[in-house]
C-alpha atoms as a PDB file:
ATOM      1  CA  MET A   1       0.145   0.000  -0.258  1.00  0.00           C
ATOM      2  CA  THR A   2       1.529   3.507  -1.231  1.00  0.00           C
ATOM      3  CA  ASN A   3      -1.051   5.420   0.734  1.00  0.00           C
ATOM      4  CA  PRO A   4      -2.416   3.578   3.975  1.00  0.00           C
ATOM      5  CA  ALA A   5      -4.519   6.636   4.798  1.00  0.00           C
ATOM      6  CA  HIS A   6      -6.755   7.455   1.477  1.00  0.00           C
ATOM      7  CA  PRO A   7      -9.955   9.117   2.337  1.00  0.00           C
ATOM      8  CA  GLY A   8     -11.951   6.312   0.463  1.00  0.00           C
ATOM      9  CA  ARG A   9     -10.520   3.638   2.407  1.00  0.00           C
ATOM     10  CA  MET A  10     -13.729   1.113   4.399  1.00  0.00           C
ATOM     11  CA  LEU A  11     -13.039  -0.951   7.805  1.00  0.00           C
ATOM     12  CA  PHE A  12     -14.772  -3.523   8.497  1.00  0.00           C
ATOM     13  CA  VAL A  13     -14.384  -5.797  11.469  1.00  0.00           C
ATOM     14  CA  ASN A  14     -16.105  -8.733  11.804  1.00  0.00           C
ATOM     15  CA  ILE A  15     -17.452 -10.810  14.837  1.00  0.00           C
ATOM     16  CA  PRO A  16     -19.453 -13.640  15.337  1.00  0.00           C
ATOM     17  CA  VAL A  17     -22.836 -13.621  17.715  1.00  0.00           C
ATOM     18  CA  ALA A  18     -24.790 -16.500  18.763  1.00  0.00           C
ATOM     19  CA  ASP A  19     -28.391 -14.664  17.986  1.00  0.00           C
ATOM     20  CA  LEU A  20     -28.226 -11.758  15.645  1.00  0.00           C
ATOM     21  CA  GLU A  21     -31.402 -10.461  16.127  1.00  0.00           C
ATOM     22  CA  ARG A  22     -30.484  -9.925  20.468  1.00  0.00           C
ATOM     23  CA  GLY A  23     -27.144  -8.670  18.637  1.00  0.00           C
ATOM     24  CA  LYS A  24     -28.816  -5.674  16.804  1.00  0.00           C
ATOM     25  CA  ALA A  25     -31.033  -5.304  19.890  1.00  0.00           C
ATOM     26  CA  PHE A  26     -28.192  -4.720  22.107  1.00  0.00           C
ATOM     27  CA  PHE A  27     -26.192  -2.404  19.806  1.00  0.00           C
ATOM     28  CA  ALA A  28     -29.437  -0.409  18.790  1.00  0.00           C
ATOM     29  CA  ASP A  29     -29.923   0.283  22.721  1.00  0.00           C
ATOM     30  CA  LEU A  30     -26.071   2.063  22.482  1.00  0.00           C
ATOM     31  CA  GLY A  31     -27.720   3.990  19.560  1.00  0.00           C
ATOM     32  CA  PHE A  32     -25.841   2.232  16.669  1.00  0.00           C
ATOM     33  CA  GLY A  33     -28.067   2.215  13.495  1.00  0.00           C
ATOM     34  CA  PHE A  34     -27.718  -0.908  10.396  1.00  0.00           C
ATOM     35  CA  ASN A  35     -27.287  -0.423   6.873  1.00  0.00           C
ATOM     36  CA  PRO A  36     -30.188  -2.532   5.395  1.00  0.00           C
ATOM     37  CA  ASN A  37     -27.986  -3.165   2.044  1.00  0.00           C
ATOM     38  CA  PHE A  38     -26.256  -5.498   3.968  1.00  0.00           C
ATOM     39  CA  THR A  39     -27.784  -7.137   6.699  1.00  0.00           C
ATOM     40  CA  ASP A  40     -30.001 -10.346   6.090  1.00  0.00           C
ATOM     41  CA  GLU A  41     -30.812 -13.014   8.072  1.00  0.00           C
ATOM     42  CA  THR A  42     -26.985 -14.099   8.594  1.00  0.00           C
ATOM     43  CA  ALA A  43     -25.433 -10.847   9.207  1.00  0.00           C
ATOM     44  CA  ALA A  44     -26.267  -7.061   9.857  1.00  0.00           C
ATOM     45  CA  CYS A  45     -23.944  -4.336   8.993  1.00  0.00           C
ATOM     46  CA  MET A  46     -23.316  -1.880  12.095  1.00  0.00           C
ATOM     47  CA  LEU A  47     -22.414   1.522  11.073  1.00  0.00           C
ATOM     48  CA  VAL A  48     -19.584   2.661  13.722  1.00  0.00           C
ATOM     49  CA  GLY A  49     -18.135   5.667  11.700  1.00  0.00           C
ATOM     50  CA  GLU A  50     -18.358   7.218   8.178  1.00  0.00           C
ATOM     51  CA  HIS A  51     -15.927   4.911   6.933  1.00  0.00           C
ATOM     52  CA  ALA A  52     -15.833   2.082   9.664  1.00  0.00           C
ATOM     53  CA  PHE A  53     -18.765  -0.726  10.199  1.00  0.00           C
ATOM     54  CA  VAL A  54     -18.872  -3.953  12.287  1.00  0.00           C
ATOM     55  CA  MET A  55     -20.332  -6.938  11.070  1.00  0.00           C
ATOM     56  CA  LEU A  56     -22.203  -8.993  13.495  1.00  0.00           C
ATOM     57  CA  LEU A  57     -22.362 -12.287  11.874  1.00  0.00           C
ATOM     58  CA  SER A  58     -23.807 -15.600  12.715  1.00  0.00           C
ATOM     59  CA  ARG A  59     -21.558 -18.105  14.130  1.00  0.00           C
ATOM     60  CA  GLU A  60     -22.475 -20.873  11.032  1.00  0.00           C
ATOM     61  CA  LYS A  61     -21.472 -17.422   8.621  1.00  0.00           C
ATOM     62  CA  PHE A  62     -18.416 -16.417  10.594  1.00  0.00           C
ATOM     63  CA  ALA A  63     -16.983 -19.707  10.788  1.00  0.00           C
ATOM     64  CA  LYS A  64     -13.965 -21.093   8.830  1.00  0.00           C
ATOM     65  CA  LEU A  65     -11.932 -22.241  11.534  1.00  0.00           C
ATOM     66  CA  PRO A  66     -12.752 -23.533  14.974  1.00  0.00           C
ATOM     67  CA  MET A  67     -13.884 -20.397  17.093  1.00  0.00           C
ATOM     68  CA  ALA A  68     -12.599 -19.601  20.569  1.00  0.00           C
ATOM     69  CA  ASP A  69     -15.442 -18.872  23.126  1.00  0.00           C
ATOM     70  CA  PRO A  70     -14.702 -15.033  23.858  1.00  0.00           C
ATOM     71  CA  THR A  71     -16.014 -15.479  27.308  1.00  0.00           C
ATOM     72  CA  THR A  72     -12.869 -17.176  28.262  1.00  0.00           C
ATOM     73  CA  HIS A  73      -9.935 -16.318  25.218  1.00  0.00           C
ATOM     74  CA  THR A  74      -9.403 -12.238  24.473  1.00  0.00           C
ATOM     75  CA  LEU A  75      -9.877 -12.345  21.102  1.00  0.00           C
ATOM     76  CA  GLY A  76     -10.090  -8.518  20.391  1.00  0.00           C
ATOM     77  CA  LEU A  77     -11.133  -5.219  22.327  1.00  0.00           C
ATOM     78  CA  TYR A  78     -13.288  -3.324  20.025  1.00  0.00           C
ATOM     79  CA  CYS A  79     -12.877   0.471  20.696  1.00  0.00           C
ATOM     80  CA  PHE A  80     -15.239   3.449  19.291  1.00  0.00           C
ATOM     81  CA  SER A  81     -15.038   6.952  20.483  1.00  0.00           C
ATOM     82  CA  VAL A  82     -18.229   9.258  21.320  1.00  0.00           C
ATOM     83  CA  SER A  83     -18.000  13.034  21.736  1.00  0.00           C
ATOM     84  CA  SER A  84     -18.125  13.967  25.305  1.00  0.00           C
ATOM     85  CA  ARG A  85     -16.996  12.180  28.564  1.00  0.00           C
ATOM     86  CA  ASP A  86     -20.634  12.456  29.781  1.00  0.00           C
ATOM     87  CA  GLU A  87     -21.353  10.192  26.465  1.00  0.00           C
ATOM     88  CA  VAL A  88     -18.862   7.878  27.215  1.00  0.00           C
ATOM     89  CA  ASP A  89     -20.514   7.225  30.659  1.00  0.00           C
ATOM     90  CA  ALA A  90     -24.136   7.367  28.864  1.00  0.00           C
ATOM     91  CA  VAL A  91     -22.971   4.427  26.503  1.00  0.00           C
ATOM     92  CA  SER A  92     -21.484   2.271  29.045  1.00  0.00           C
ATOM     93  CA  ALA A  93     -24.979   2.515  31.070  1.00  0.00           C
ATOM     94  CA  ALA A  94     -26.960   1.467  28.275  1.00  0.00           C
ATOM     95  CA  ALA A  95     -24.690  -1.288  27.687  1.00  0.00           C
ATOM     96  CA  LEU A  96     -24.959  -2.652  31.133  1.00  0.00           C
ATOM     97  CA  ALA A  97     -28.930  -1.855  30.942  1.00  0.00           C
ATOM     98  CA  ALA A  98     -28.948  -3.888  27.833  1.00  0.00           C
ATOM     99  CA  GLY A  99     -27.491  -6.908  29.381  1.00  0.00           C
ATOM    100  CA  GLY A 100     -23.836  -6.162  29.266  1.00  0.00           C
ATOM    101  CA  SER A 101     -21.231  -6.402  31.598  1.00  0.00           C
ATOM    102  CA  GLU A 102     -18.513  -4.158  33.012  1.00  0.00           C
ATOM    103  CA  ALA A 103     -15.169  -5.212  32.138  1.00  0.00           C
ATOM    104  CA  ASP A 104     -13.238  -2.395  34.539  1.00  0.00           C
ATOM    105  CA  GLY A 105     -13.614   0.594  35.541  1.00  0.00           C
ATOM    106  CA  ALA A 106     -13.243   4.421  34.294  1.00  0.00           C
ATOM    107  CA  GLU A 107     -10.047   5.081  32.836  1.00  0.00           C
ATOM    108  CA  ASP A 108      -9.221   8.887  33.361  1.00  0.00           C
ATOM    109  CA  TYR A 109      -6.104   9.990  31.819  1.00  0.00           C
ATOM    110  CA  GLY A 110      -7.302  13.849  31.609  1.00  0.00           C
ATOM    111  CA  PHE A 111      -6.864  14.087  27.734  1.00  0.00           C
ATOM    112  CA  MET A 112      -9.049  10.839  27.519  1.00  0.00           C
ATOM    113  CA  TYR A 113     -11.457   9.045  29.407  1.00  0.00           C
ATOM    114  CA  SER A 114     -12.885   5.550  28.588  1.00  0.00           C
ATOM    115  CA  ARG A 115     -14.473   2.562  30.049  1.00  0.00           C
ATOM    116  CA  SER A 116     -14.991  -0.814  28.693  1.00  0.00           C
ATOM    117  CA  PHE A 117     -17.801  -3.703  28.992  1.00  0.00           C
ATOM    118  CA  PHE A 118     -18.688  -7.156  27.579  1.00  0.00           C
ATOM    119  CA  ASP A 119     -21.042  -7.241  25.107  1.00  0.00           C
ATOM    120  CA  LEU A 120     -24.000 -10.219  25.105  1.00  0.00           C
ATOM    121  CA  ASP A 121     -21.494 -12.922  23.447  1.00  0.00           C
ATOM    122  CA  GLY A 122     -18.814 -12.148  25.682  1.00  0.00           C
ATOM    123  CA  HIS A 123     -16.547  -9.766  23.417  1.00  0.00           C
ATOM    124  CA  GLY A 124     -14.915  -6.603  24.776  1.00  0.00           C
ATOM    125  CA  TRP A 125     -15.788  -3.055  24.008  1.00  0.00           C
ATOM    126  CA  GLN A 126     -14.161   0.035  24.940  1.00  0.00           C
ATOM    127  CA  VAL A 127     -16.170   3.702  24.541  1.00  0.00           C
ATOM    128  CA  MET A 128     -13.722   6.524  25.050  1.00  0.00           C
ATOM    129  CA  TRP A 129     -13.012  10.028  24.511  1.00  0.00           C
ATOM    130  CA  MET A 130     -10.105  12.271  23.526  1.00  0.00           C
ATOM    131  CA  ASP A 131      -9.742  15.873  23.787  1.00  0.00           C
ATOM    132  CA  PRO A 132      -9.710  16.991  20.030  1.00  0.00           C
ATOM    133  CA  ALA A 133      -6.182  18.635  20.625  1.00  0.00           C
ATOM    134  CA  ALA A 134      -4.752  15.795  22.116  1.00  0.00           C
ATOM    135  CA  ALA A 135      -6.029  13.732  19.282  1.00  0.00           C
ATOM    136  CA  GLU A 136      -4.649  16.294  16.639  1.00  0.00           C
ATOM    137  CA  GLN A 137      -1.132  17.028  18.712  1.00  0.00           C
ATOM    138  CA  GLY A 138      -0.721  13.578  20.191  1.00  0.00           C
ATOM    139  CA  PRO A 139      -0.891  12.960  24.334  1.00  0.00           C
ATOM    140  CA  GLU A 140       2.741  14.003  25.073  1.00  0.00           C
ATOM    141  CA  ALA A 141       2.464  17.596  22.806  1.00  0.00           C
ATOM    142  CA  PHE A 142      -0.961  18.235  24.969  1.00  0.00           C
ATOM    143  CA  ALA A 143      -0.004  17.729  27.964  1.00  0.00           C
ATOM    144  CA  ALA A 144       2.984  19.755  27.520  1.00  0.00           C
ATOM    145  CA  SER A 145       1.100  22.374  25.996  1.00  0.00           C
ATOM    146  CA  MET A 146      -1.266  22.378  29.148  1.00  0.00           C
ATOM    147  CA  GLN A 147       1.569  22.562  31.184  1.00  0.00           C
ATOM    148  CA  ASP A 148       2.655  25.861  29.304  1.00  0.00           C
ATOM    149  CA  ALA A 149      -0.980  27.191  29.731  1.00  0.00           C
ATOM    150  CA  ASP A 150      -0.971  26.400  33.161  1.00  0.00           C
ATOM    151  CA  ALA A 151       2.890  28.149  34.214  1.00  0.00           C
ATOM    152  CA  PRO A 152       2.852  31.588  35.833  1.00  0.00           C
ATOM    153  CA  ALA A 153       3.119  34.525  33.126  1.00  0.00           C
END
């Protein structure tokens, strides 16, 4: 790839679910929508970002090799961002109310705030907010700029 970050690139993450309708309902409760053009009785295309999607696939459609159980083996941690710290807490609360379970407590780094939960199938998810300036500058440069701003004149 000569230009790995080209503007038209899309990301599709595929994960197996035991019950597709139950999985769709869980993520709909968290505020996600689905593209009906790529959703049928074996798969659901969950919209995560402008060019990022999670495909919820029935285990039969997903399985090409034996599958590990996500409740006993870490397969991945799927992370998505939201627009505020309050939204991190709201989405996490919605996940727990919809039947998910908390993975660990809140992590607060000042410039970044996150919470983690397990979905109905045991997949690990993290919802996070990052200060836009930290995302643009990088955490170290952002921290330095904050220290400069706090320095007495």
